[in-house]
Amino acid sequence: MKLSLSRRAFVASAMAMVAAPAVSRGAAAADEPLTLRCSLETAPSHTRNAIIRDYLGRIETAAGGKIKTQLFESGQLFPDLQVGKALLQGQVEMAAPGAWSLTGIVPDADFFQLPVLFDGKPGQLLAKQIEAQLNSHVIGPWLDLGFFNWYSTSKPLNSYGDLKGMKIRNNGGAGQAWRTQFMGAIPNTTPLPNVALGLSQGTFDGLITSFETVASGQYWESGIRHAFEDHQFCGEYIPIVSLAFWQKLSPDLRQVFTDLWRENVAAYRADMAAAQSRAREKVQAHGIKIVVPSAEELAATRREMMASQEQVARLSKISSEMVAAVSADLAAAG
């Protein structure tokens, strides 16, 4: 299934927008390198980790010894669900969490779960909210993770009706929980580092995630056998540094962070898209059966979900300003 042109235009325009840099209150000391700790919850083999590892290496090289980076993977410091609070409290300098994991602090980050986007100028608005509410700085355009789908262990998934009664793990946010309940399933939110164990122990029957996350976590070893590929939403990672760290940087070093991300984000996005394609093939090779719903089933499900759009916005605490911005962007994209 491919993105429609209108959805492509919306995602491209929304993700390209970034808030303006914060005002400096101090420059980095010339004789002592600044330490930048970056927290990721995904496994080292995940493409997000490879991308951030590359970016941090470029930062160190360009900074000429003025910055020392440390990458903590597999949730060693914080799972993504806790990393927003860690940024706010200055417990970590950088992260690239999924938008869904920030909804506890920034509810509008759940706007991807609005039914209007089930098949398809919010980025700038959300970036400003993240900076204000997380006391952080958004480095640049977001990193596309790719489409999220349904996955299960023992129960085959041939239609949405097969989800009824299942306990499904999601990544966080009221929107994914609502979507799960809409399908007649029971929502569960478990940090990613604990997902393999939860699957093995039967804590939940399946999950919402992407092919790349299934492949990097080797979830077939934890019992995943079925996938229902409905492309329910496109996950986005947001590159963020704490404002406390950002304010320690000289104007030149701030430009290094901004320029290096902007210069490489197109290649990073291409790498992630290629990784998702490889991951899809890999999970099939490991015995996971993939079912793609028909266009008619998708359209019918979207129509049913659209009747609950206002309810989803209320449950997710998405602001009326964000709902209006999303609707206006989609209308403009045609």
C-alpha atoms as a PDB file:
ATOM      1  CA  MET A   1       0.000   0.000   0.000  1.00  0.00           C
ATOM      2  CA  LYS A   2       1.367   3.425  -0.896  1.00  0.00           C
ATOM      3  CA  LEU A   3       0.820   6.852   0.504  1.00  0.00           C
ATOM      4  CA  SER A   4      -1.645   8.962  -1.396  1.00  0.00           C
ATOM      5  CA  LEU A   5      -0.252  12.128  -2.943  1.00  0.00           C
ATOM      6  CA  SER A   6      -2.205  14.288  -0.503  1.00  0.00           C
ATOM      7  CA  ARG A   7      -0.857  12.338   2.468  1.00  0.00           C
ATOM      8  CA  ARG A   8       2.666  12.531   1.090  1.00  0.00           C
ATOM      9  CA  ALA A   9       2.375  16.294   0.690  1.00  0.00           C
ATOM     10  CA  PHE A  10       1.014  16.682   4.205  1.00  0.00           C
ATOM     11  CA  VAL A  11       3.736  14.593   5.841  1.00  0.00           C
ATOM     12  CA  ALA A  12       6.481  16.318   3.876  1.00  0.00           C
ATOM     13  CA  SER A  13       5.249  19.782   4.786  1.00  0.00           C
ATOM     14  CA  ALA A  14       4.590  19.001   8.432  1.00  0.00           C
ATOM     15  CA  MET A  15       7.889  17.273   9.090  1.00  0.00           C
ATOM     16  CA  ALA A  16      10.023  19.941   7.430  1.00  0.00           C
ATOM     17  CA  MET A  17       9.041  22.644   9.909  1.00  0.00           C
ATOM     18  CA  VAL A  18      11.223  23.381  12.918  1.00  0.00           C
ATOM     19  CA  ALA A  19      11.090  26.049  15.607  1.00  0.00           C
ATOM     20  CA  ALA A  20      13.682  28.814  15.711  1.00  0.00           C
ATOM     21  CA  PRO A  21      16.810  28.414  17.903  1.00  0.00           C
ATOM     22  CA  ALA A  22      16.671  29.547  21.507  1.00  0.00           C
ATOM     23  CA  VAL A  23      18.621  32.601  22.694  1.00  0.00           C
ATOM     24  CA  SER A  24      22.082  31.814  24.060  1.00  0.00           C
ATOM     25  CA  ARG A  25      22.855  32.415  27.723  1.00  0.00           C
ATOM     26  CA  GLY A  26      26.381  31.110  27.657  1.00  0.00           C
ATOM     27  CA  ALA A  27      29.041  29.586  25.435  1.00  0.00           C
ATOM     28  CA  ALA A  28      30.817  26.245  25.840  1.00  0.00           C
ATOM     29  CA  ALA A  29      34.097  26.356  27.696  1.00  0.00           C
ATOM     30  CA  ALA A  30      36.973  26.248  25.249  1.00  0.00           C
ATOM     31  CA  ASP A  31      39.227  24.011  27.354  1.00  0.00           C
ATOM     32  CA  GLU A  32      36.762  21.315  28.424  1.00  0.00           C
ATOM     33  CA  PRO A  33      34.593  19.208  26.099  1.00  0.00           C
ATOM     34  CA  LEU A  34      30.877  19.185  26.741  1.00  0.00           C
ATOM     35  CA  THR A  35      29.350  15.757  27.327  1.00  0.00           C
ATOM     36  CA  LEU A  36      26.271  14.879  25.302  1.00  0.00           C
ATOM     37  CA  ARG A  37      24.419  11.758  26.457  1.00  0.00           C
ATOM     38  CA  CYS A  38      21.859  10.480  23.962  1.00  0.00           C
ATOM     39  CA  SER A  39      19.187   7.983  25.008  1.00  0.00           C
ATOM     40  CA  LEU A  40      17.485   5.530  22.624  1.00  0.00           C
ATOM     41  CA  GLU A  41      15.275   2.597  23.603  1.00  0.00           C
ATOM     42  CA  THR A  42      15.688   0.625  20.382  1.00  0.00           C
ATOM     43  CA  ALA A  43      18.271  -2.134  19.933  1.00  0.00           C
ATOM     44  CA  PRO A  44      21.692  -1.299  18.437  1.00  0.00           C
ATOM     45  CA  SER A  45      20.672  -3.041  15.190  1.00  0.00           C
ATOM     46  CA  HIS A  46      17.705  -0.677  14.658  1.00  0.00           C
ATOM     47  CA  THR A  47      18.224   1.834  11.853  1.00  0.00           C
ATOM     48  CA  ARG A  48      17.335   4.744  14.168  1.00  0.00           C
ATOM     49  CA  ASN A  49      20.374   3.808  16.264  1.00  0.00           C
ATOM     50  CA  ALA A  50      22.637   3.608  13.208  1.00  0.00           C
ATOM     51  CA  ILE A  51      21.435   7.023  12.048  1.00  0.00           C
ATOM     52  CA  ILE A  52      21.898   8.731  15.408  1.00  0.00           C
ATOM     53  CA  ARG A  53      25.278   7.017  15.825  1.00  0.00           C
ATOM     54  CA  ASP A  54      26.363   8.480  12.490  1.00  0.00           C
ATOM     55  CA  TYR A  55      25.037  11.936  13.416  1.00  0.00           C
ATOM     56  CA  LEU A  56      26.844  11.966  16.763  1.00  0.00           C
ATOM     57  CA  GLY A  57      30.070  10.932  15.054  1.00  0.00           C
ATOM     58  CA  ARG A  58      29.738  13.832  12.634  1.00  0.00           C
ATOM     59  CA  ILE A  59      29.082  16.203  15.555  1.00  0.00           C
ATOM     60  CA  GLU A  60      32.245  15.101  17.353  1.00  0.00           C
ATOM     61  CA  THR A  61      34.337  15.475  14.201  1.00  0.00           C
ATOM     62  CA  ALA A  62      32.957  18.892  13.285  1.00  0.00           C
ATOM     63  CA  ALA A  63      33.194  20.156  16.875  1.00  0.00           C
ATOM     64  CA  GLY A  64      36.926  19.489  16.928  1.00  0.00           C
ATOM     65  CA  GLY A  65      37.101  18.039  20.427  1.00  0.00           C
ATOM     66  CA  LYS A  66      34.675  20.496  22.014  1.00  0.00           C
ATOM     67  CA  ILE A  67      31.903  17.891  22.386  1.00  0.00           C
ATOM     68  CA  LYS A  68      32.099  14.294  23.615  1.00  0.00           C
ATOM     69  CA  THR A  69      29.052  12.171  22.737  1.00  0.00           C
ATOM     70  CA  GLN A  70      27.784   9.042  24.456  1.00  0.00           C
ATOM     71  CA  LEU A  71      25.035   6.862  22.983  1.00  0.00           C
ATOM     72  CA  PHE A  72      22.973   4.749  25.392  1.00  0.00           C
ATOM     73  CA  GLU A  73      20.919   2.132  23.559  1.00  0.00           C
ATOM     74  CA  SER A  74      18.221  -0.439  24.365  1.00  0.00           C
ATOM     75  CA  GLY A  75      16.740   1.806  27.044  1.00  0.00           C
ATOM     76  CA  GLN A  76      19.917   1.715  29.169  1.00  0.00           C
ATOM     77  CA  LEU A  77      19.170   5.208  30.472  1.00  0.00           C
ATOM     78  CA  PHE A  78      15.458   5.664  29.780  1.00  0.00           C
ATOM     79  CA  PRO A  79      12.703   4.079  27.709  1.00  0.00           C
ATOM     80  CA  ASP A  80      11.214   6.563  25.259  1.00  0.00           C
ATOM     81  CA  LEU A  81       8.105   6.870  27.424  1.00  0.00           C
ATOM     82  CA  GLN A  82      10.286   8.458  30.132  1.00  0.00           C
ATOM     83  CA  VAL A  83      12.808  10.353  28.035  1.00  0.00           C
ATOM     84  CA  GLY A  84      10.649  13.498  27.699  1.00  0.00           C
ATOM     85  CA  LYS A  85      10.672  13.890  31.479  1.00  0.00           C
ATOM     86  CA  ALA A  86      14.413  13.148  31.518  1.00  0.00           C
ATOM     87  CA  LEU A  87      15.040  15.960  29.009  1.00  0.00           C
ATOM     88  CA  LEU A  88      12.878  18.299  31.046  1.00  0.00           C
ATOM     89  CA  GLN A  89      14.796  17.490  34.224  1.00  0.00           C
ATOM     90  CA  GLY A  90      18.243  17.654  32.603  1.00  0.00           C
ATOM     91  CA  GLN A  91      18.982  13.943  33.110  1.00  0.00           C
ATOM     92  CA  VAL A  92      19.981  13.489  29.479  1.00  0.00           C
ATOM     93  CA  GLU A  93      21.151  15.908  26.789  1.00  0.00           C
ATOM     94  CA  MET A  94      19.679  14.370  23.646  1.00  0.00           C
ATOM     95  CA  ALA A  95      17.037  11.915  22.468  1.00  0.00           C
ATOM     96  CA  ALA A  96      15.106  11.081  19.309  1.00  0.00           C
ATOM     97  CA  PRO A  97      11.839   9.723  20.690  1.00  0.00           C
ATOM     98  CA  GLY A  98       8.788   8.776  18.707  1.00  0.00           C
ATOM     99  CA  ALA A  99       6.137  11.486  18.800  1.00  0.00           C
ATOM    100  CA  TRP A 100       3.756   9.024  20.506  1.00  0.00           C
ATOM    101  CA  SER A 101       6.038   8.788  23.561  1.00  0.00           C
ATOM    102  CA  LEU A 102       5.763  12.519  24.306  1.00  0.00           C
ATOM    103  CA  THR A 103       1.981  12.656  24.573  1.00  0.00           C
ATOM    104  CA  GLY A 104       2.009  12.523  28.381  1.00  0.00           C
ATOM    105  CA  ILE A 105       3.655  15.961  28.419  1.00  0.00           C
ATOM    106  CA  VAL A 106       2.741  17.307  24.973  1.00  0.00           C
ATOM    107  CA  PRO A 107      -0.740  15.943  24.133  1.00  0.00           C
ATOM    108  CA  ASP A 108      -0.715  17.429  20.631  1.00  0.00           C
ATOM    109  CA  ALA A 109       2.056  14.964  19.741  1.00  0.00           C
ATOM    110  CA  ASP A 110      -0.792  12.462  19.353  1.00  0.00           C
ATOM    111  CA  PHE A 111      -2.180  14.252  16.292  1.00  0.00           C
ATOM    112  CA  PHE A 112      -0.996  11.389  14.045  1.00  0.00           C
ATOM    113  CA  GLN A 113      -3.716   9.247  15.609  1.00  0.00           C
ATOM    114  CA  LEU A 114      -6.589  11.395  14.363  1.00  0.00           C
ATOM    115  CA  PRO A 115      -8.849   9.275  12.111  1.00  0.00           C
ATOM    116  CA  VAL A 116      -8.542  11.878   9.339  1.00  0.00           C
ATOM    117  CA  LEU A 117      -4.926  10.689   9.000  1.00  0.00           C
ATOM    118  CA  PHE A 118      -5.805   7.011   8.971  1.00  0.00           C
ATOM    119  CA  ASP A 119      -5.162   7.144   5.230  1.00  0.00           C
ATOM    120  CA  GLY A 120      -3.162   9.849   4.985  1.00  0.00           C
ATOM    121  CA  LYS A 121       1.481  23.557   9.477  1.00  0.00           C
ATOM    122  CA  PRO A 122       1.086  20.915  12.529  1.00  0.00           C
ATOM    123  CA  GLY A 123       4.856  20.202  12.578  1.00  0.00           C
ATOM    124  CA  GLN A 124       5.817  23.764  13.365  1.00  0.00           C
ATOM    125  CA  LEU A 125       3.136  24.066  16.035  1.00  0.00           C
ATOM    126  CA  LEU A 126       4.213  20.836  17.714  1.00  0.00           C
ATOM    127  CA  ALA A 127       7.911  21.782  17.616  1.00  0.00           C
ATOM    128  CA  LYS A 128       7.134  24.983  19.492  1.00  0.00           C
ATOM    129  CA  GLN A 129       5.144  23.072  22.097  1.00  0.00           C
ATOM    130  CA  ILE A 130       7.931  20.531  22.577  1.00  0.00           C
ATOM    131  CA  GLU A 131      10.484  23.282  23.086  1.00  0.00           C
ATOM    132  CA  ALA A 132       8.296  25.079  25.608  1.00  0.00           C
ATOM    133  CA  GLN A 133       6.998  22.079  27.548  1.00  0.00           C
ATOM    134  CA  LEU A 134      10.143  19.919  27.502  1.00  0.00           C
ATOM    135  CA  ASN A 135      12.535  22.857  27.953  1.00  0.00           C
ATOM    136  CA  SER A 136      14.321  21.574  24.859  1.00  0.00           C
ATOM    137  CA  HIS A 137      15.324  22.449  21.310  1.00  0.00           C
ATOM    138  CA  VAL A 138      14.174  20.542  18.200  1.00  0.00           C
ATOM    139  CA  ILE A 139      17.276  20.129  16.041  1.00  0.00           C
ATOM    140  CA  GLY A 140      15.587  19.890  12.668  1.00  0.00           C
ATOM    141  CA  PRO A 141      13.128  18.006  10.426  1.00  0.00           C
ATOM    142  CA  TRP A 142      11.779  14.784  11.814  1.00  0.00           C
ATOM    143  CA  LEU A 143      13.026  11.308  10.940  1.00  0.00           C
ATOM    144  CA  ASP A 144      10.415   9.078   9.310  1.00  0.00           C
ATOM    145  CA  LEU A 145      10.315   5.668  10.983  1.00  0.00           C
ATOM    146  CA  GLY A 146       7.699   4.254   8.653  1.00  0.00           C
ATOM    147  CA  PHE A 147       4.250   2.723   8.815  1.00  0.00           C
ATOM    148  CA  PHE A 148       2.839   0.960  11.860  1.00  0.00           C
ATOM    149  CA  ASN A 149       0.817  -2.237  11.544  1.00  0.00           C
ATOM    150  CA  TRP A 150      -0.760  -4.951  13.721  1.00  0.00           C
ATOM    151  CA  TYR A 151       1.205  -8.058  14.723  1.00  0.00           C
ATOM    152  CA  SER A 152       0.126 -11.153  16.663  1.00  0.00           C
ATOM    153  CA  THR A 153       1.517 -14.349  18.097  1.00  0.00           C
ATOM    154  CA  SER A 154      -0.817 -17.325  17.734  1.00  0.00           C
ATOM    155  CA  LYS A 155      -3.972 -15.780  16.258  1.00  0.00           C
ATOM    156  CA  PRO A 156      -4.017 -15.268  12.471  1.00  0.00           C
ATOM    157  CA  LEU A 157      -4.899 -11.734  11.349  1.00  0.00           C
ATOM    158  CA  ASN A 158      -6.936 -11.813   8.153  1.00  0.00           C
ATOM    159  CA  SER A 159      -9.224  -8.860   8.863  1.00  0.00           C
ATOM    160  CA  TYR A 160      -9.859  -6.172  11.488  1.00  0.00           C
ATOM    161  CA  GLY A 161     -12.447  -8.486  13.040  1.00  0.00           C
ATOM    162  CA  ASP A 162      -9.686 -10.874  14.098  1.00  0.00           C
ATOM    163  CA  LEU A 163      -8.341  -8.270  16.540  1.00  0.00           C
ATOM    164  CA  LYS A 164     -11.462  -8.501  18.708  1.00  0.00           C
ATOM    165  CA  GLY A 165     -10.709  -9.673  22.246  1.00  0.00           C
ATOM    166  CA  MET A 166      -6.935  -9.602  21.804  1.00  0.00           C
ATOM    167  CA  LYS A 167      -4.620  -7.770  24.192  1.00  0.00           C
ATOM    168  CA  ILE A 168      -2.484  -5.466  22.032  1.00  0.00           C
ATOM    169  CA  ARG A 169       0.613  -3.610  23.184  1.00  0.00           C
ATOM    170  CA  ASN A 170       1.068  -0.065  21.855  1.00  0.00           C
ATOM    171  CA  ASN A 171       3.796   2.544  22.104  1.00  0.00           C
ATOM    172  CA  GLY A 172       1.904   5.076  24.206  1.00  0.00           C
ATOM    173  CA  GLY A 173      -0.626   7.840  23.836  1.00  0.00           C
ATOM    174  CA  ALA A 174      -4.395   7.855  24.120  1.00  0.00           C
ATOM    175  CA  GLY A 175      -4.811   7.710  20.334  1.00  0.00           C
ATOM    176  CA  GLN A 176      -3.324   4.233  19.915  1.00  0.00           C
ATOM    177  CA  ALA A 177      -5.290   2.992  22.925  1.00  0.00           C
ATOM    178  CA  TRP A 178      -8.512   4.332  21.370  1.00  0.00           C
ATOM    179  CA  ARG A 179      -7.699   2.730  18.011  1.00  0.00           C
ATOM    180  CA  THR A 180      -7.130  -0.612  19.743  1.00  0.00           C
ATOM    181  CA  GLN A 181     -10.444  -0.369  21.601  1.00  0.00           C
ATOM    182  CA  PHE A 182     -12.216   0.672  18.400  1.00  0.00           C
ATOM    183  CA  MET A 183     -11.138  -2.665  16.921  1.00  0.00           C
ATOM    184  CA  GLY A 184     -12.556  -4.498  19.942  1.00  0.00           C
ATOM    185  CA  ALA A 185      -9.128  -5.260  21.404  1.00  0.00           C
ATOM    186  CA  ILE A 186      -7.652  -4.467  24.818  1.00  0.00           C
ATOM    187  CA  PRO A 187      -4.856  -1.850  24.893  1.00  0.00           C
ATOM    188  CA  ASN A 188      -1.594  -2.354  26.766  1.00  0.00           C
ATOM    189  CA  THR A 189       1.336   0.049  27.011  1.00  0.00           C
ATOM    190  CA  THR A 190       4.708  -1.577  27.712  1.00  0.00           C
ATOM    191  CA  PRO A 191       8.153   0.046  27.241  1.00  0.00           C
ATOM    192  CA  LEU A 192       9.930  -1.337  24.176  1.00  0.00           C
ATOM    193  CA  PRO A 193      12.840  -2.932  26.115  1.00  0.00           C
ATOM    194  CA  ASN A 194      10.265  -5.181  27.870  1.00  0.00           C
ATOM    195  CA  VAL A 195       8.284  -6.188  24.777  1.00  0.00           C
ATOM    196  CA  ALA A 196      10.162  -9.409  23.953  1.00  0.00           C
ATOM    197  CA  LEU A 197       9.635 -10.748  27.467  1.00  0.00           C
ATOM    198  CA  GLY A 198       5.992  -9.661  27.480  1.00  0.00           C
ATOM    199  CA  LEU A 199       5.348 -11.510  24.229  1.00  0.00           C
ATOM    200  CA  SER A 200       7.132 -14.637  25.457  1.00  0.00           C
ATOM    201  CA  GLN A 201       5.188 -14.669  28.716  1.00  0.00           C
ATOM    202  CA  GLY A 202       1.837 -13.958  27.079  1.00  0.00           C
ATOM    203  CA  THR A 203       1.380 -10.600  28.801  1.00  0.00           C
ATOM    204  CA  PHE A 204      -0.159  -9.445  25.521  1.00  0.00           C
ATOM    205  CA  ASP A 205      -1.171 -11.240  22.323  1.00  0.00           C
ATOM    206  CA  GLY A 206       0.296  -8.822  19.815  1.00  0.00           C
ATOM    207  CA  LEU A 207       1.436  -5.286  19.233  1.00  0.00           C
ATOM    208  CA  ILE A 208       1.323  -2.184  17.062  1.00  0.00           C
ATOM    209  CA  THR A 209       4.735  -1.358  15.588  1.00  0.00           C
ATOM    210  CA  SER A 210       6.750  -1.294  12.353  1.00  0.00           C
ATOM    211  CA  PHE A 211       8.528  -4.033  10.418  1.00  0.00           C
ATOM    212  CA  GLU A 212      11.909  -2.531  11.309  1.00  0.00           C
ATOM    213  CA  THR A 213      11.178  -2.732  15.021  1.00  0.00           C
ATOM    214  CA  VAL A 214       9.966  -6.335  14.702  1.00  0.00           C
ATOM    215  CA  ALA A 215      13.104  -7.272  12.756  1.00  0.00           C
ATOM    216  CA  SER A 216      15.605  -5.458  14.973  1.00  0.00           C
ATOM    217  CA  GLY A 217      14.001  -7.020  18.055  1.00  0.00           C
ATOM    218  CA  GLN A 218      13.784 -10.452  16.364  1.00  0.00           C
ATOM    219  CA  TYR A 219      10.254 -10.767  17.707  1.00  0.00           C
ATOM    220  CA  TRP A 220       9.692 -14.021  15.812  1.00  0.00           C
ATOM    221  CA  GLU A 221      11.813 -15.513  18.592  1.00  0.00           C
ATOM    222  CA  SER A 222       9.202 -14.184  21.046  1.00  0.00           C
ATOM    223  CA  GLY A 223       6.308 -15.733  19.151  1.00  0.00           C
ATOM    224  CA  ILE A 224       5.193 -13.197  16.517  1.00  0.00           C
ATOM    225  CA  ARG A 225       3.742 -15.144  13.576  1.00  0.00           C
ATOM    226  CA  HIS A 226       1.203 -12.851  11.893  1.00  0.00           C
ATOM    227  CA  ALA A 227       1.049  -9.286  10.539  1.00  0.00           C
ATOM    228  CA  PHE A 228      -1.908  -7.213   9.334  1.00  0.00           C
ATOM    229  CA  GLU A 229      -0.310  -4.502   7.187  1.00  0.00           C
ATOM    230  CA  ASP A 230      -2.790  -1.631   7.249  1.00  0.00           C
ATOM    231  CA  HIS A 231      -0.312   1.286   7.436  1.00  0.00           C
ATOM    232  CA  GLN A 232      -2.422   2.778  10.224  1.00  0.00           C
ATOM    233  CA  PHE A 233      -0.073   5.719  10.797  1.00  0.00           C
ATOM    234  CA  CYS A 234       3.439   6.860   9.934  1.00  0.00           C
ATOM    235  CA  GLY A 235       5.750   6.982  12.949  1.00  0.00           C
ATOM    236  CA  GLU A 236       8.074   9.947  13.342  1.00  0.00           C
ATOM    237  CA  TYR A 237      11.200  10.356  15.463  1.00  0.00           C
ATOM    238  CA  ILE A 238      11.909  13.886  16.710  1.00  0.00           C
ATOM    239  CA  PRO A 239      15.578  14.881  17.259  1.00  0.00           C
ATOM    240  CA  ILE A 240      15.744  16.890  20.487  1.00  0.00           C
ATOM    241  CA  VAL A 241      18.462  18.349  22.718  1.00  0.00           C
ATOM    242  CA  SER A 242      17.864  19.781  26.158  1.00  0.00           C
ATOM    243  CA  LEU A 243      17.765  23.561  26.336  1.00  0.00           C
ATOM    244  CA  ALA A 244      20.329  23.494  29.159  1.00  0.00           C
ATOM    245  CA  PHE A 245      22.816  21.816  26.803  1.00  0.00           C
ATOM    246  CA  TRP A 246      21.849  23.998  23.830  1.00  0.00           C
ATOM    247  CA  GLN A 247      22.498  27.159  25.804  1.00  0.00           C
ATOM    248  CA  LYS A 248      26.034  26.020  26.614  1.00  0.00           C
ATOM    249  CA  LEU A 249      26.929  25.891  22.933  1.00  0.00           C
ATOM    250  CA  SER A 250      28.529  28.744  21.061  1.00  0.00           C
ATOM    251  CA  PRO A 251      26.618  30.063  18.027  1.00  0.00           C
ATOM    252  CA  ASP A 252      29.075  28.202  15.788  1.00  0.00           C
ATOM    253  CA  LEU A 253      28.442  24.871  17.507  1.00  0.00           C
ATOM    254  CA  ARG A 254      24.695  25.391  17.350  1.00  0.00           C
ATOM    255  CA  GLN A 255      25.030  25.872  13.630  1.00  0.00           C
ATOM    256  CA  VAL A 256      27.020  22.634  13.434  1.00  0.00           C
ATOM    257  CA  PHE A 257      24.129  20.727  15.027  1.00  0.00           C
ATOM    258  CA  THR A 258      21.559  22.338  12.762  1.00  0.00           C
ATOM    259  CA  ASP A 259      23.533  22.096   9.522  1.00  0.00           C
ATOM    260  CA  LEU A 260      24.685  18.501   9.983  1.00  0.00           C
ATOM    261  CA  TRP A 261      21.134  17.302  10.599  1.00  0.00           C
ATOM    262  CA  ARG A 262      19.662  19.261   7.685  1.00  0.00           C
ATOM    263  CA  GLU A 263      22.436  18.116   5.340  1.00  0.00           C
ATOM    264  CA  ASN A 264      21.937  14.447   6.177  1.00  0.00           C
ATOM    265  CA  VAL A 265      18.250  14.029   7.041  1.00  0.00           C
ATOM    266  CA  ALA A 266      17.222  13.219   3.459  1.00  0.00           C
ATOM    267  CA  ALA A 267      19.765  10.384   3.348  1.00  0.00           C
ATOM    268  CA  TYR A 268      18.704   9.268   6.835  1.00  0.00           C
ATOM    269  CA  ARG A 269      15.081   9.090   5.711  1.00  0.00           C
ATOM    270  CA  ALA A 270      16.079   7.100   2.641  1.00  0.00           C
ATOM    271  CA  ASP A 271      18.085   4.727   4.849  1.00  0.00           C
ATOM    272  CA  MET A 272      15.052   4.189   7.077  1.00  0.00           C
ATOM    273  CA  ALA A 273      12.737   3.557   4.132  1.00  0.00           C
ATOM    274  CA  ALA A 274      15.182   1.005   2.735  1.00  0.00           C
ATOM    275  CA  ALA A 275      15.483  -0.599   6.170  1.00  0.00           C
ATOM    276  CA  GLN A 276      11.693  -0.995   6.386  1.00  0.00           C
ATOM    277  CA  SER A 277      11.646  -2.745   3.010  1.00  0.00           C
ATOM    278  CA  ARG A 278      14.443  -5.093   4.062  1.00  0.00           C
ATOM    279  CA  ALA A 279      12.731  -5.719   7.392  1.00  0.00           C
ATOM    280  CA  ARG A 280       9.472  -6.685   5.663  1.00  0.00           C
ATOM    281  CA  GLU A 281      11.341  -9.308   3.652  1.00  0.00           C
ATOM    282  CA  LYS A 282      13.217 -10.468   6.736  1.00  0.00           C
ATOM    283  CA  VAL A 283      10.140 -11.065   8.879  1.00  0.00           C
ATOM    284  CA  GLN A 284       8.569 -13.065   6.042  1.00  0.00           C
ATOM    285  CA  ALA A 285      11.730 -15.146   5.789  1.00  0.00           C
ATOM    286  CA  HIS A 286      11.342 -15.920   9.499  1.00  0.00           C
ATOM    287  CA  GLY A 287       7.845 -17.268   9.052  1.00  0.00           C
ATOM    288  CA  ILE A 288       5.663 -14.221   9.753  1.00  0.00           C
ATOM    289  CA  LYS A 289       2.609 -14.258   7.489  1.00  0.00           C
ATOM    290  CA  ILE A 290       1.642 -10.804   6.182  1.00  0.00           C
ATOM    291  CA  VAL A 291      -1.938  -9.989   5.195  1.00  0.00           C
ATOM    292  CA  VAL A 292      -2.734  -6.698   3.433  1.00  0.00           C
ATOM    293  CA  PRO A 293      -6.337  -5.477   3.834  1.00  0.00           C
ATOM    294  CA  SER A 294      -8.277  -4.576   0.734  1.00  0.00           C
ATOM    295  CA  ALA A 295      -8.803  -0.968  -0.277  1.00  0.00           C
ATOM    296  CA  GLU A 296     -12.520  -1.465   0.395  1.00  0.00           C
ATOM    297  CA  GLU A 297     -11.915  -2.659   3.969  1.00  0.00           C
ATOM    298  CA  LEU A 298      -9.571   0.245   4.650  1.00  0.00           C
ATOM    299  CA  ALA A 299     -12.031   2.781   3.280  1.00  0.00           C
ATOM    300  CA  ALA A 300     -14.930   1.342   5.276  1.00  0.00           C
ATOM    301  CA  THR A 301     -12.886   1.316   8.483  1.00  0.00           C
ATOM    302  CA  ARG A 302     -11.777   4.888   7.942  1.00  0.00           C
ATOM    303  CA  ARG A 303     -15.367   6.038   7.466  1.00  0.00           C
ATOM    304  CA  GLU A 304     -16.385   4.377  10.732  1.00  0.00           C
ATOM    305  CA  MET A 305     -13.443   5.899  12.599  1.00  0.00           C
ATOM    306  CA  MET A 306     -14.111   9.381  11.243  1.00  0.00           C
ATOM    307  CA  ALA A 307     -17.403   9.462  13.156  1.00  0.00           C
ATOM    308  CA  SER A 308     -15.312   9.447  16.365  1.00  0.00           C
ATOM    309  CA  GLN A 309     -12.800  12.129  15.366  1.00  0.00           C
ATOM    310  CA  GLU A 310     -13.939  14.620  18.001  1.00  0.00           C
ATOM    311  CA  GLN A 311     -13.939  11.916  20.662  1.00  0.00           C
ATOM    312  CA  VAL A 312     -10.358  10.932  19.785  1.00  0.00           C
ATOM    313  CA  ALA A 313      -9.239  14.554  20.005  1.00  0.00           C
ATOM    314  CA  ARG A 314     -10.865  14.925  23.432  1.00  0.00           C
ATOM    315  CA  LEU A 315      -9.452  11.667  24.798  1.00  0.00           C
ATOM    316  CA  SER A 316      -5.989  12.517  23.483  1.00  0.00           C
ATOM    317  CA  LYS A 317      -6.300  16.111  24.721  1.00  0.00           C
ATOM    318  CA  ILE A 318      -5.313  17.348  21.280  1.00  0.00           C
ATOM    319  CA  SER A 319      -5.902  21.069  21.104  1.00  0.00           C
ATOM    320  CA  SER A 320      -8.500  22.580  18.794  1.00  0.00           C
ATOM    321  CA  GLU A 321      -5.665  24.613  17.280  1.00  0.00           C
ATOM    322  CA  MET A 322      -3.837  21.408  16.295  1.00  0.00           C
ATOM    323  CA  VAL A 323      -6.976  19.783  14.884  1.00  0.00           C
ATOM    324  CA  ALA A 324      -7.609  22.881  12.793  1.00  0.00           C
ATOM    325  CA  ALA A 325      -3.996  22.987  11.608  1.00  0.00           C
ATOM    326  CA  VAL A 326      -4.088  19.317  10.549  1.00  0.00           C
ATOM    327  CA  SER A 327      -7.400  19.773   8.717  1.00  0.00           C
ATOM    328  CA  ALA A 328      -6.161  22.924   6.964  1.00  0.00           C
ATOM    329  CA  ASP A 329      -2.943  21.212   5.844  1.00  0.00           C
ATOM    330  CA  LEU A 330      -4.838  18.250   4.447  1.00  0.00           C
ATOM    331  CA  ALA A 331      -7.300  20.524   2.658  1.00  0.00           C
ATOM    332  CA  ALA A 332      -4.444  22.535   1.145  1.00  0.00           C
ATOM    333  CA  ALA A 333      -2.663  19.357   0.041  1.00  0.00           C
ATOM    334  CA  GLY A 334      -5.797  18.306  -1.840  1.00  0.00           C
END
